[in-house]
């Protein structure tokens, strides 16, 4: 997350409908979710709770984030969409992360974690993006990746090659995601791809609120 990110305005948007008999006060649960998604490690997050006299394990904090099921807003209408794919490490395996960003706002529009890189998966990613947002009139900014180029063509979307400029927004986000996902093995012991995919959606929600 950006170093000057404000943490205001998120607590009210975190729903805790999953809570049944949790002894932790809900404001502290929301604060924990917020702090972790803003960049604090799970260890440091539970240390903050300890200040308030609440002793919780790192796994508990992770479960709160996972069960909150935070999602970035839908129904955006960007003029441009920067799309890209990159490899991230999850435990001992490599996965492909697809991401779409509005370069004018730096908002994450959609992410998808896949075990490989194919034209079929790129096509599916763009289809899901179109279902979530009004992007049919947007210009897609790509760096020459063949699967994404093919996906734009198949969906009849306008695109242009761009290495820098407006594409800097998606590269910046990828750097932050890679920094955070490098600790997946520490935060999420034996994490499954589904868990990481859920975390990425939560990360997208927080990123859009904090930029």
Protein backbone atom coordinates (compact mmCIF):
# COMPACT_ATOMS: atom_id res chain seq x y z
CA UNK A 1 0.00 0.00 0.00
CA UNK A 2 1.14 3.59 -0.50
CA UNK A 3 3.02 4.86 2.55
CA UNK A 4 0.73 7.89 2.88
CA UNK A 5 -2.44 5.82 2.60
CA UNK A 6 -5.28 6.92 4.83
CA UNK A 7 -7.02 4.19 6.80
CA UNK A 8 -10.24 6.19 7.18
CA UNK A 9 -13.49 5.20 5.57
CA UNK A 10 -13.13 1.42 5.39
CA UNK A 11 -14.45 0.18 8.73
CA UNK A 12 -18.06 0.96 7.86
CA UNK A 13 -17.81 -1.05 4.65
CA UNK A 14 -16.56 -4.25 6.29
CA UNK A 15 -19.48 -6.57 7.01
CA UNK A 16 -19.15 -9.21 9.70
CA UNK A 17 -22.22 -11.30 8.95
CA UNK A 18 -20.11 -14.43 9.38
CA UNK A 19 -19.66 -13.74 13.09
CA UNK A 20 -21.59 -16.07 15.39
CA UNK A 21 -19.94 -16.43 18.79
CA UNK A 22 -16.72 -14.44 18.38
CA UNK A 23 -15.56 -12.96 21.68
CA UNK A 24 -13.53 -10.20 20.03
CA UNK A 25 -15.36 -6.84 19.82
CA UNK A 26 -16.40 -6.24 16.22
CA UNK A 27 -14.67 -2.84 15.95
CA UNK A 28 -11.36 -4.57 16.76
CA UNK A 29 -12.07 -7.32 14.23
CA UNK A 30 -12.71 -4.70 11.55
CA UNK A 31 -9.57 -2.83 12.56
CA UNK A 32 -7.53 -6.03 12.28
CA UNK A 33 -8.85 -6.75 8.80
CA UNK A 34 -8.18 -3.19 7.76
CA UNK A 35 -4.64 -3.07 9.12
CA UNK A 36 -3.63 -6.37 7.54
CA UNK A 37 -4.98 -5.44 4.11
CA UNK A 38 -3.27 -2.06 4.39
CA UNK A 39 0.09 -3.80 4.69
CA UNK A 40 0.59 -4.93 8.28
CA UNK A 41 1.74 -8.52 8.75
CA UNK A 42 -0.54 -10.89 10.62
CA UNK A 43 1.98 -11.03 13.47
CA UNK A 44 1.98 -7.26 13.84
CA UNK A 45 -1.79 -7.14 13.46
CA UNK A 46 -2.41 -9.50 16.39
CA UNK A 47 0.18 -7.50 18.36
CA UNK A 48 -2.06 -4.46 17.95
CA UNK A 49 -4.95 -6.46 19.36
CA UNK A 50 -2.79 -7.36 22.34
CA UNK A 51 -2.56 -3.65 23.17
CA UNK A 52 -6.33 -3.73 23.66
CA UNK A 53 -6.08 -6.81 25.85
CA UNK A 54 -7.21 -9.24 23.15
CA UNK A 55 -5.05 -12.33 22.59
CA UNK A 56 -5.60 -13.89 19.19
CA UNK A 57 -3.54 -16.18 16.92
CA UNK A 58 -2.36 -15.14 13.46
CA UNK A 59 -4.62 -17.80 11.94
CA UNK A 60 -7.61 -16.12 13.56
CA UNK A 61 -6.74 -12.82 11.91
CA UNK A 62 -6.36 -14.57 8.58
CA UNK A 63 -9.75 -16.25 8.98
CA UNK A 64 -11.41 -12.90 9.61
CA UNK A 65 -9.99 -11.51 6.38
CA UNK A 66 -10.99 -14.61 4.44
CA UNK A 67 -14.53 -14.84 5.82
CA UNK A 68 -15.26 -11.12 5.39
CA UNK A 69 -15.25 -11.86 1.63
CA UNK A 70 -14.45 -8.28 0.61
CA UNK A 71 -14.91 -7.44 -3.07
CA UNK A 72 -13.99 -4.38 -5.13
CA UNK A 73 -16.92 -2.38 -6.47
CA UNK A 74 -18.49 -3.38 -9.77
CA UNK A 75 -20.06 -1.28 -12.53
CA UNK A 76 -17.12 1.02 -13.27
CA UNK A 77 -16.94 2.75 -16.67
CA UNK A 78 -13.24 3.53 -17.28
CA UNK A 79 -11.96 5.19 -20.46
CA UNK A 80 -8.82 3.06 -20.42
CA UNK A 81 -8.03 -0.33 -18.91
CA UNK A 82 -4.45 -1.48 -18.31
CA UNK A 83 -4.29 -5.27 -18.34
CA UNK A 84 -1.35 -7.50 -17.65
CA UNK A 85 -0.25 -10.88 -16.39
CA UNK A 86 2.63 -11.79 -14.13
CA UNK A 87 4.01 -14.77 -12.25
CA UNK A 88 3.71 -14.87 -8.48
CA UNK A 89 5.01 -17.47 -6.05
CA UNK A 90 2.63 -19.32 -3.77
CA UNK A 91 4.53 -21.65 -1.46
CA UNK A 92 6.63 -23.79 -3.85
CA UNK A 93 4.45 -23.26 -6.91
CA UNK A 94 4.15 -20.54 -9.53
CA UNK A 95 0.82 -19.06 -10.56
CA UNK A 96 -0.20 -16.50 -13.16
CA UNK A 97 -1.92 -13.39 -11.89
CA UNK A 98 -4.14 -11.53 -14.34
CA UNK A 99 -5.08 -7.97 -13.38
CA UNK A 100 -7.03 -5.07 -14.85
CA UNK A 101 -6.52 -1.50 -13.61
CA UNK A 102 -8.12 1.86 -14.35
CA UNK A 103 -4.97 3.95 -14.99
CA UNK A 104 -6.80 7.21 -14.34
CA UNK A 105 -7.73 6.27 -10.76
CA UNK A 106 -5.26 3.39 -10.12
CA UNK A 107 -8.24 1.29 -9.01
CA UNK A 108 -8.03 -2.46 -9.40
CA UNK A 109 -10.98 -3.57 -11.51
CA UNK A 110 -10.48 -7.32 -11.54
CA UNK A 111 -7.91 -9.96 -10.58
CA UNK A 112 -7.71 -13.68 -11.30
CA UNK A 113 -5.15 -16.23 -10.19
CA UNK A 114 -4.55 -19.12 -12.56
CA UNK A 115 -2.18 -22.14 -12.49
CA UNK A 116 -0.96 -21.49 -16.04
CA UNK A 117 -1.00 -18.97 -18.90
CA UNK A 118 -3.20 -19.74 -21.91
CA UNK A 119 -5.39 -17.93 -24.42
CA UNK A 120 -8.44 -19.67 -22.96
CA UNK A 121 -7.74 -18.32 -19.45
CA UNK A 122 -7.03 -14.83 -20.78
CA UNK A 123 -10.32 -14.96 -22.67
CA UNK A 124 -12.13 -16.01 -19.47
CA UNK A 125 -10.48 -13.18 -17.51
CA UNK A 126 -11.61 -10.55 -20.03
CA UNK A 127 -15.11 -12.04 -20.13
CA UNK A 128 -15.40 -11.76 -16.33
CA UNK A 129 -14.08 -8.20 -16.50
CA UNK A 130 -16.79 -7.29 -19.02
CA UNK A 131 -19.44 -8.86 -16.79
CA UNK A 132 -18.33 -6.73 -13.83
CA UNK A 133 -17.67 -3.41 -15.53
CA UNK A 134 -18.75 -1.34 -18.52
CA UNK A 135 -15.51 -1.60 -20.50
CA UNK A 136 -16.73 -2.24 -24.05
CA UNK A 137 -15.96 1.36 -25.08
CA UNK A 138 -12.64 1.52 -23.21
CA UNK A 139 -9.22 1.30 -24.82
CA UNK A 140 -7.24 -1.62 -23.42
CA UNK A 141 -3.54 -1.02 -22.81
CA UNK A 142 -1.41 -4.12 -23.25
CA UNK A 143 2.33 -4.73 -23.47
CA UNK A 144 2.25 -7.24 -26.30
CA UNK A 145 1.26 -10.35 -24.30
CA UNK A 146 -0.21 -12.69 -26.92
CA UNK A 147 -3.01 -14.23 -24.76
CA UNK A 148 -4.37 -10.82 -23.72
CA UNK A 149 -4.09 -9.48 -27.27
CA UNK A 150 -6.02 -12.50 -28.52
CA UNK A 151 -8.65 -12.07 -25.77
CA UNK A 152 -9.24 -8.41 -26.69
CA UNK A 153 -9.56 -9.35 -30.35
CA UNK A 154 -12.03 -12.15 -29.64
CA UNK A 155 -14.17 -9.83 -27.51
CA UNK A 156 -14.07 -7.05 -30.10
CA UNK A 157 -12.33 -4.64 -27.74
CA UNK A 158 -10.07 -1.80 -28.82
CA UNK A 159 -6.49 -2.09 -27.63
CA UNK A 160 -3.09 -0.56 -28.16
CA UNK A 161 0.44 -1.48 -27.18
CA UNK A 162 1.93 0.60 -24.41
CA UNK A 163 5.04 -0.22 -22.42
CA UNK A 164 5.06 2.70 -20.01
CA UNK A 165 2.85 5.76 -19.50
CA UNK A 166 -0.59 4.71 -18.32
CA UNK A 167 0.62 1.15 -17.84
CA UNK A 168 2.77 2.25 -14.90
CA UNK A 169 -0.31 1.90 -12.69
CA UNK A 170 -0.62 -1.86 -13.19
CA UNK A 171 3.15 -2.37 -12.79
CA UNK A 172 3.04 -0.48 -9.50
CA UNK A 173 0.23 -2.70 -8.24
CA UNK A 174 2.04 -5.84 -9.35
CA UNK A 175 5.11 -4.77 -7.37
CA UNK A 176 2.99 -4.33 -4.24
CA UNK A 177 1.17 -7.63 -4.75
CA UNK A 178 4.45 -9.48 -5.23
CA UNK A 179 5.84 -7.88 -2.09
CA UNK A 180 2.81 -9.03 -0.14
CA UNK A 181 2.42 -12.48 -1.71
CA UNK A 182 6.05 -13.29 -1.00
CA UNK A 183 4.89 -13.80 2.60
CA UNK A 184 1.96 -16.09 1.74
CA UNK A 185 3.91 -19.12 2.96
CA UNK A 186 4.38 -17.40 6.32
CA UNK A 187 0.88 -15.96 6.62
CA UNK A 188 -1.10 -18.81 5.07
CA UNK A 189 0.59 -22.09 5.91
CA UNK A 190 -0.04 -24.59 3.10
CA UNK A 191 -2.31 -22.05 1.43
CA UNK A 192 -4.41 -23.16 -1.51
CA UNK A 193 -4.77 -21.09 -4.66
CA UNK A 194 -8.41 -20.47 -3.75
CA UNK A 195 -7.30 -18.84 -0.49
CA UNK A 196 -4.81 -16.64 -2.31
CA UNK A 197 -7.43 -15.70 -4.92
CA UNK A 198 -9.80 -14.65 -2.14
CA UNK A 199 -7.04 -12.62 -0.49
CA UNK A 200 -6.33 -10.86 -3.78
CA UNK A 201 -9.97 -9.74 -4.03
CA UNK A 202 -9.78 -8.44 -0.47
CA UNK A 203 -6.52 -6.70 -1.34
CA UNK A 204 -8.26 -5.11 -4.35
CA UNK A 205 -11.02 -3.80 -2.11
CA UNK A 206 -8.55 -2.25 0.32
CA UNK A 207 -6.28 -0.89 -2.43
CA UNK A 208 -9.20 0.94 -4.04
CA UNK A 209 -10.13 2.48 -0.72
CA UNK A 210 -6.65 3.54 0.30
CA UNK A 211 -5.04 4.92 -2.87
